[in-house]
Protein backbone atom coordinates (compact mmCIF):
# COMPACT_ATOMS: atom_id res chain seq x y z
CA MET A 1 -11.13 10.56 21.24
CA PRO A 2 -10.16 7.42 18.76
CA GLY A 3 -11.65 6.40 15.60
CA TRP A 4 -14.19 4.09 14.66
CA PHE A 5 -15.79 1.91 12.29
CA GLU A 6 -19.13 2.05 10.73
CA VAL A 7 -21.21 -0.97 9.03
CA LYS A 8 -23.28 0.21 6.38
CA LYS A 9 -25.31 -1.53 4.08
CA SER A 10 -25.15 -0.15 0.18
CA ASN A 11 -27.90 0.29 -2.80
CA ASN A 12 -27.29 -2.94 -4.21
CA GLY A 13 -27.64 -4.78 -0.39
CA GLN A 14 -24.45 -5.96 0.21
CA PHE A 15 -22.58 -4.74 3.13
CA TYR A 16 -19.64 -2.75 3.94
CA PHE A 17 -17.54 -0.81 6.56
CA THR A 18 -15.79 2.19 6.82
CA LEU A 19 -12.65 3.00 9.30
CA LYS A 20 -13.29 6.90 10.47
CA ALA A 21 -10.24 8.76 11.94
CA ALA A 22 -11.22 10.72 15.11
CA ASN A 23 -11.83 13.60 13.12
CA ALA A 24 -14.86 11.67 11.05
CA GLU A 25 -12.56 11.16 8.17
CA VAL A 26 -13.04 7.66 6.15
CA ILE A 27 -9.62 6.20 6.39
CA LEU A 28 -10.32 2.83 5.10
CA THR A 29 -12.95 1.22 3.29
CA SER A 30 -13.83 -2.71 2.73
CA GLU A 31 -14.98 -4.43 -0.16
CA MET A 32 -18.59 -5.36 -0.31
CA TYR A 33 -19.87 -8.49 1.55
CA VAL A 34 -22.92 -10.51 0.88
CA GLU A 35 -23.50 -11.09 5.05
CA LYS A 36 -23.51 -8.37 7.44
CA ALA A 37 -21.24 -10.94 9.67
CA SER A 38 -19.08 -11.15 7.16
CA ALA A 39 -18.46 -7.26 6.92
CA LYS A 40 -17.89 -7.60 10.93
CA GLY A 41 -15.13 -10.21 10.47
CA GLY A 42 -13.19 -8.13 8.08
CA ILE A 43 -13.30 -5.19 10.84
CA ALA A 44 -11.85 -7.98 13.48
CA SER A 45 -8.88 -8.67 10.39
CA VAL A 46 -8.32 -4.71 10.32
CA GLN A 47 -8.02 -4.57 14.00
CA LYS A 48 -5.45 -7.69 13.71
CA ASN A 49 -3.70 -6.55 10.99
CA SER A 50 -3.43 -2.55 10.87
CA PRO A 51 -0.69 -2.05 13.60
CA LYS A 52 1.62 -4.46 11.17
CA ALA A 53 3.59 -2.33 8.68
CA GLU A 54 4.00 -5.45 5.96
CA ARG A 55 0.40 -5.34 5.48
CA PHE A 56 0.03 -2.11 4.00
CA GLY A 57 0.80 -1.93 -0.03
CA LYS A 58 1.66 1.38 -1.28
CA LEU A 59 0.25 2.18 -4.57
CA SER A 60 0.12 4.63 -7.27
CA SER A 61 -2.92 4.72 -10.19
CA LYS A 62 -2.36 5.79 -13.43
CA ASN A 63 -3.33 9.17 -12.96
CA GLY A 64 -0.78 9.59 -10.57
CA LYS A 65 -2.69 9.66 -7.35
CA PHE A 66 -1.57 7.62 -4.57
CA TYR A 67 -3.16 5.27 -2.16
CA PHE A 68 -2.85 2.17 0.02
CA THR A 69 -4.20 -0.97 0.80
CA LEU A 70 -4.30 -3.42 3.96
CA LYS A 71 -4.09 -6.84 3.62
CA ALA A 72 -4.67 -9.89 5.67
CA GLY A 73 -2.02 -12.96 6.25
CA ASN A 74 -3.23 -14.61 3.39
CA HIS A 75 -2.52 -11.53 1.15
CA GLN A 76 -6.29 -10.85 0.65
CA VAL A 77 -7.01 -7.20 0.76
CA ILE A 78 -9.07 -5.97 3.59
CA GLY A 79 -9.36 -2.60 2.93
CA ASN A 80 -8.42 0.55 0.29
CA SER A 81 -7.77 3.85 1.23
CA GLN A 82 -9.04 6.99 -0.56
CA MET A 83 -6.66 8.79 -3.41
CA TYR A 84 -3.90 11.04 -1.96
CA THR A 85 -2.54 13.93 -4.26
CA ASN A 86 1.18 12.95 -2.82
CA GLU A 87 3.08 9.90 -0.97
CA LYS A 88 3.50 11.87 2.22
CA SER A 89 -0.38 12.39 2.52
CA ARG A 90 -0.98 8.53 1.78
CA ASP A 91 1.80 7.79 4.35
CA GLY A 92 -0.01 10.05 6.70
CA GLY A 93 -3.36 8.08 6.22
CA ILE A 94 -1.26 4.69 6.63
CA ALA A 95 -0.41 6.11 10.36
CA SER A 96 -4.06 7.29 10.90
CA VAL A 97 -4.89 3.51 10.33
CA LYS A 98 -2.19 1.90 12.14
CA THR A 99 -3.59 4.51 15.13
CA ASN A 100 -7.40 3.54 14.58
CA GLY A 101 -7.56 0.51 13.20
CA LYS A 102 -7.51 -1.57 16.55
CA THR A 103 -10.34 0.38 17.83
CA LYS A 104 -13.45 -1.74 19.27
CA GLU A 105 -15.89 1.08 18.91
CA VAL A 106 -18.38 -0.26 15.76
CA LYS A 107 -21.42 1.68 14.93
CA ASP A 108 -24.00 -0.65 13.03
CA LEU A 109 -25.61 1.94 10.77
CA VAL A 110 -27.93 -0.64 9.05
């Protein structure tokens, strides 16, 4: 079973999406959007850009944890990962986004 996207509304009334793997674990979280249509546009951007290795930024935080970002062709960040304890786990998260980011399944939870 492939992963899926979920569109949600935050407490401040803005919209965002998450990409979940087949095991229901969140593997990518978007920025906040004022309009739901913009969040859905962000999903389309993930679907387009997630297969491309050069769109992923491999980063580390000040506390020594590892994470990644997914960027569009214009270098704007589409989504961020969770924090990982090591680079191998982070790289596994990237592989999961590459696999699941192409999914067409979108669950609108708003």
